[in-house]
Amino acid sequence: MTDTDFASLLCSRLCHDLLSPVGALNNGLELLADEDDPAMRDQVLELLADSARATAEKLKFFRLAFGAAGGYGAMIETDEAKQALAGVLAEKKVDLGWMVADAKLPKDAVKLLLNLSLIAGDALVRGGRLDVGAERGEGGIELAVRAEGPRLLLDPNLRAMLVDGPAGKEGEARTAAAQLAHALAASSDSSIRLSDPDDGLLVMGVSLPQPDGMIG
């Protein structure tokens, strides 16, 4: 798969996730143009506000998870990542536990953590709890994501992409985040560890080497 193909997959994933809130904005504007009842107009305005908020939250998240936020080699504020993740999880009825002590982490570590969190959040079909952690030590940075809920489904293709990467397979929009996560881990000579499918919960972990200048 070429870099262009991969970029197309990421764009397709972003467009897929934005289609619903942007479509709701369009429908709301059409209703507002034809509606004269004050009570109904208030309901439509509330719909427009919710859709605009959802669109903004998704864009904020994808900017950090998929984009080049902060420039190359930048450090990213972890509180910004937390807020972005909380925004996209709000509509999924997922409780977020954030266990990241460092105020800043390298951009690629944050991107990897957010992509793993996105995948785990999507696996919580009926909601649940998502715990996200990162710990920095002299040996490197440990990233961990744990998901648990009443109905937990991780597509086998996503699992394979996280562990093995493309490996000659044709990617698709729904595996784009997993492919990016694998690439980010591989770029640091690391790999993504996953819990057994029969465990009843999903745990993903990555050990990243310590970037120069971060020990302190």
Protein backbone atom coordinates (compact mmCIF):
# COMPACT_ATOMS: atom_id res chain seq x y z
CA MET A 1 0.00 0.00 0.00
CA THR A 2 1.37 3.42 -0.97
CA ASP A 3 1.40 6.49 1.26
CA THR A 4 -1.27 7.97 -1.00
CA ASP A 5 -3.51 4.95 -0.48
CA PHE A 6 -3.05 5.19 3.28
CA ALA A 7 -3.81 8.93 3.28
CA SER A 8 -6.99 8.17 1.35
CA LEU A 9 -8.04 5.64 3.99
CA LEU A 10 -7.54 8.17 6.79
CA CYS A 11 -9.58 10.75 4.87
CA SER A 12 -12.32 8.18 4.31
CA ARG A 13 -12.43 7.40 8.03
CA LEU A 14 -12.64 11.08 8.91
CA CYS A 15 -15.41 11.70 6.35
CA HIS A 16 -17.35 8.66 7.60
CA ASP A 17 -17.29 9.92 11.18
CA LEU A 18 -18.22 13.48 10.21
CA LEU A 19 -21.05 12.49 7.87
CA SER A 20 -23.64 12.07 10.63
CA PRO A 21 -23.18 15.37 12.53
CA VAL A 22 -22.68 17.41 9.35
CA GLY A 23 -25.74 15.76 7.80
CA ALA A 24 -27.73 16.64 10.91
CA LEU A 25 -26.60 20.27 10.54
CA ASN A 26 -27.84 20.33 6.96
CA ASN A 27 -31.18 18.76 7.88
CA GLY A 28 -31.62 21.18 10.77
CA LEU A 29 -31.01 24.21 8.56
CA GLU A 30 -33.59 22.95 6.07
CA LEU A 31 -36.14 22.46 8.86
CA LEU A 32 -35.40 25.89 10.29
CA ALA A 33 -36.07 27.54 6.93
CA ASP A 34 -39.57 25.99 6.73
CA GLU A 35 -40.59 26.10 10.40
CA ASP A 36 -42.63 28.97 11.88
CA ASP A 37 -43.65 27.44 15.22
CA PRO A 38 -41.46 28.97 17.98
CA ALA A 39 -41.33 25.75 20.03
CA MET A 40 -40.26 23.70 17.02
CA ARG A 41 -37.67 26.30 16.05
CA ASP A 42 -36.18 26.05 19.54
CA GLN A 43 -35.90 22.27 19.15
CA VAL A 44 -34.25 22.65 15.76
CA LEU A 45 -31.78 25.20 17.16
CA GLU A 46 -30.92 22.75 19.93
CA LEU A 47 -30.32 20.05 17.30
CA LEU A 48 -28.08 22.41 15.37
CA ALA A 49 -26.09 23.26 18.50
CA ASP A 50 -25.60 19.56 19.36
CA SER A 51 -24.53 18.74 15.81
CA ALA A 52 -22.11 21.65 15.65
CA ARG A 53 -20.61 20.62 18.99
CA ALA A 54 -20.21 17.00 17.85
CA THR A 55 -18.56 18.11 14.61
CA ALA A 56 -16.12 20.37 16.45
CA GLU A 57 -15.23 17.61 18.95
CA LYS A 58 -14.53 15.11 16.20
CA LEU A 59 -12.38 17.57 14.27
CA LYS A 60 -10.42 18.41 17.42
CA PHE A 61 -9.79 14.70 18.04
CA PHE A 62 -8.82 13.82 14.49
CA ARG A 63 -6.47 16.80 14.32
CA LEU A 64 -4.47 15.26 17.17
CA ALA A 65 -4.93 11.58 16.29
CA PHE A 66 -4.46 11.73 12.52
CA GLY A 67 -3.02 15.16 11.75
CA ALA A 68 0.25 17.01 12.21
CA ALA A 69 -0.84 19.03 15.25
CA GLY A 70 2.05 20.90 16.82
CA GLY A 71 4.44 20.34 13.92
CA TYR A 72 7.08 17.66 13.50
CA GLY A 73 8.82 16.35 16.59
CA ALA A 74 6.66 18.46 18.88
CA MET A 75 5.58 17.79 22.44
CA ILE A 76 1.80 17.74 22.92
CA GLU A 77 -0.04 18.77 26.07
CA THR A 78 -1.73 15.66 27.46
CA ASP A 79 -4.65 17.66 28.85
CA GLU A 80 -5.50 18.68 25.29
CA ALA A 81 -5.48 15.02 24.28
CA LYS A 82 -7.69 14.14 27.25
CA GLN A 83 -10.27 16.77 26.35
CA ALA A 84 -10.29 15.69 22.70
CA LEU A 85 -10.83 12.05 23.65
CA ALA A 86 -13.53 12.88 26.19
CA GLY A 87 -15.37 14.85 23.51
CA VAL A 88 -15.67 11.94 21.08
CA LEU A 89 -16.50 9.45 23.84
CA ALA A 90 -19.36 11.54 25.26
CA GLU A 91 -21.90 10.34 22.70
CA LYS A 92 -20.82 6.70 23.13
CA LYS A 93 -21.82 6.47 26.82
CA VAL A 94 -18.26 5.53 27.75
CA ASP A 95 -16.72 6.58 31.07
CA LEU A 96 -13.13 7.74 30.67
CA GLY A 97 -10.41 7.09 33.21
CA TRP A 98 -7.34 9.21 32.40
CA MET A 99 -4.12 8.14 34.08
CA VAL A 100 -1.44 10.25 32.45
CA ALA A 101 0.74 12.17 34.89
CA ASP A 102 3.01 14.00 32.45
CA ALA A 103 1.83 17.41 31.30
CA LYS A 104 3.41 16.82 27.89
CA LEU A 105 4.42 13.80 25.84
CA PRO A 106 6.01 13.39 22.39
CA LYS A 107 3.51 13.89 19.57
CA ASP A 108 3.83 10.33 18.23
CA ALA A 109 3.19 8.88 21.70
CA VAL A 110 0.02 10.97 22.01
CA LYS A 111 -1.11 10.03 18.50
CA LEU A 112 -0.56 6.35 19.26
CA LEU A 113 -2.42 6.60 22.56
CA LEU A 114 -5.38 8.37 20.92
CA ASN A 115 -5.62 5.89 18.05
CA LEU A 116 -5.60 2.93 20.44
CA SER A 117 -8.23 4.71 22.53
CA LEU A 118 -10.38 5.31 19.44
CA ILE A 119 -10.24 1.62 18.54
CA ALA A 120 -11.03 0.53 22.10
CA GLY A 121 -13.88 3.05 22.36
CA ASP A 122 -15.41 1.77 19.11
CA ALA A 123 -15.21 -1.79 20.51
CA LEU A 124 -17.49 -0.77 23.42
CA VAL A 125 -20.66 -1.26 21.41
CA ARG A 126 -23.01 -0.65 24.35
CA GLY A 127 -20.82 1.68 26.34
CA GLY A 128 -18.67 0.85 29.32
CA ARG A 129 -15.39 2.13 30.72
CA LEU A 130 -12.19 3.10 28.98
CA ASP A 131 -9.01 3.55 31.04
CA VAL A 132 -6.10 5.29 29.35
CA GLY A 133 -2.64 5.46 30.90
CA ALA A 134 0.87 6.60 30.09
CA GLU A 135 3.91 6.43 32.37
CA ARG A 136 7.37 7.78 31.64
CA GLY A 137 10.47 6.27 33.17
CA GLU A 138 14.17 6.10 32.47
CA GLY A 139 13.63 3.12 30.20
CA GLY A 140 10.95 4.73 28.04
CA ILE A 141 7.25 5.47 27.89
CA GLU A 142 4.64 2.83 28.68
CA LEU A 143 1.23 3.29 27.04
CA ALA A 144 -1.80 1.25 28.07
CA VAL A 145 -5.50 1.24 27.13
CA ARG A 146 -8.11 -0.92 28.85
CA ALA A 147 -11.75 -1.28 27.74
CA GLU A 148 -14.50 -3.14 29.54
CA GLY A 149 -18.24 -3.15 28.93
CA PRO A 150 -21.38 -5.27 28.52
CA ARG A 151 -20.71 -5.87 24.81
CA LEU A 152 -17.11 -5.70 23.67
CA LEU A 153 -16.35 -6.42 20.02
CA LEU A 154 -12.95 -5.99 18.37
CA ASP A 155 -13.04 -6.91 14.70
CA PRO A 156 -10.45 -9.63 13.90
CA ASN A 157 -9.22 -7.50 10.98
CA LEU A 158 -8.49 -4.65 13.39
CA ARG A 159 -6.65 -7.02 15.73
CA ALA A 160 -4.57 -8.36 12.86
CA MET A 161 -3.77 -4.85 11.62
CA LEU A 162 -2.67 -3.74 15.10
CA VAL A 163 -0.34 -6.70 15.51
CA ASP A 164 0.93 -7.33 11.98
CA GLY A 165 0.23 -4.12 10.06
CA PRO A 166 -0.82 -4.22 6.40
CA ALA A 167 1.49 -7.17 5.56
CA GLY A 168 0.23 -7.22 1.99
CA LYS A 169 -3.43 -6.87 3.03
CA GLU A 170 -5.67 -4.30 1.39
CA GLY A 171 -6.66 -1.71 3.97
CA GLU A 172 -10.04 -0.07 4.44
CA ALA A 173 -11.38 3.02 6.18
CA ARG A 174 -12.38 1.18 9.36
CA THR A 175 -8.85 -0.23 9.81
CA ALA A 176 -7.07 3.09 9.16
CA ALA A 177 -6.61 3.92 12.85
CA ALA A 178 -5.21 0.44 13.53
CA GLN A 179 -2.81 0.74 10.59
CA LEU A 180 -1.62 4.14 11.81
CA ALA A 181 -1.17 2.80 15.35
CA HIS A 182 0.91 -0.11 14.05
CA ALA A 183 3.03 2.25 11.94
CA LEU A 184 3.65 4.59 14.87
CA ALA A 185 4.74 1.71 17.09
CA ALA A 186 6.90 0.17 14.37
CA SER A 187 8.63 3.51 13.73
CA SER A 188 9.99 3.23 17.30
CA ASP A 189 10.94 -0.44 16.84
CA SER A 190 8.05 -1.37 19.14
CA SER A 191 4.97 -3.52 18.80
CA ILE A 192 1.42 -3.43 20.14
CA ARG A 193 0.47 -6.06 22.71
CA LEU A 194 -3.16 -7.17 22.99
CA SER A 195 -5.05 -9.25 25.51
CA ASP A 196 -6.54 -12.58 24.46
CA PRO A 197 -9.89 -12.30 22.62
CA ASP A 198 -11.50 -14.61 25.20
CA ASP A 199 -10.53 -12.50 28.22
CA GLY A 200 -13.81 -10.57 28.32
CA LEU A 201 -12.00 -7.23 28.24
CA LEU A 202 -9.60 -5.48 25.90
CA VAL A 203 -6.13 -4.41 26.99
CA MET A 204 -3.58 -2.87 24.61
CA GLY A 205 -0.06 -1.85 25.54
CA VAL A 206 3.05 -0.43 23.91
CA SER A 207 6.55 0.21 25.26
CA LEU A 208 8.20 3.13 23.51
CA PRO A 209 11.89 4.00 23.85
CA GLN A 210 12.80 7.14 25.77
CA PRO A 211 13.23 10.10 23.39
CA ASP A 212 16.39 12.12 23.79
CA GLY A 213 16.12 14.94 26.29
CA MET A 214 13.04 13.67 28.09
CA ILE A 215 14.63 12.27 31.21
CA GLY A 216 14.38 14.74 34.01
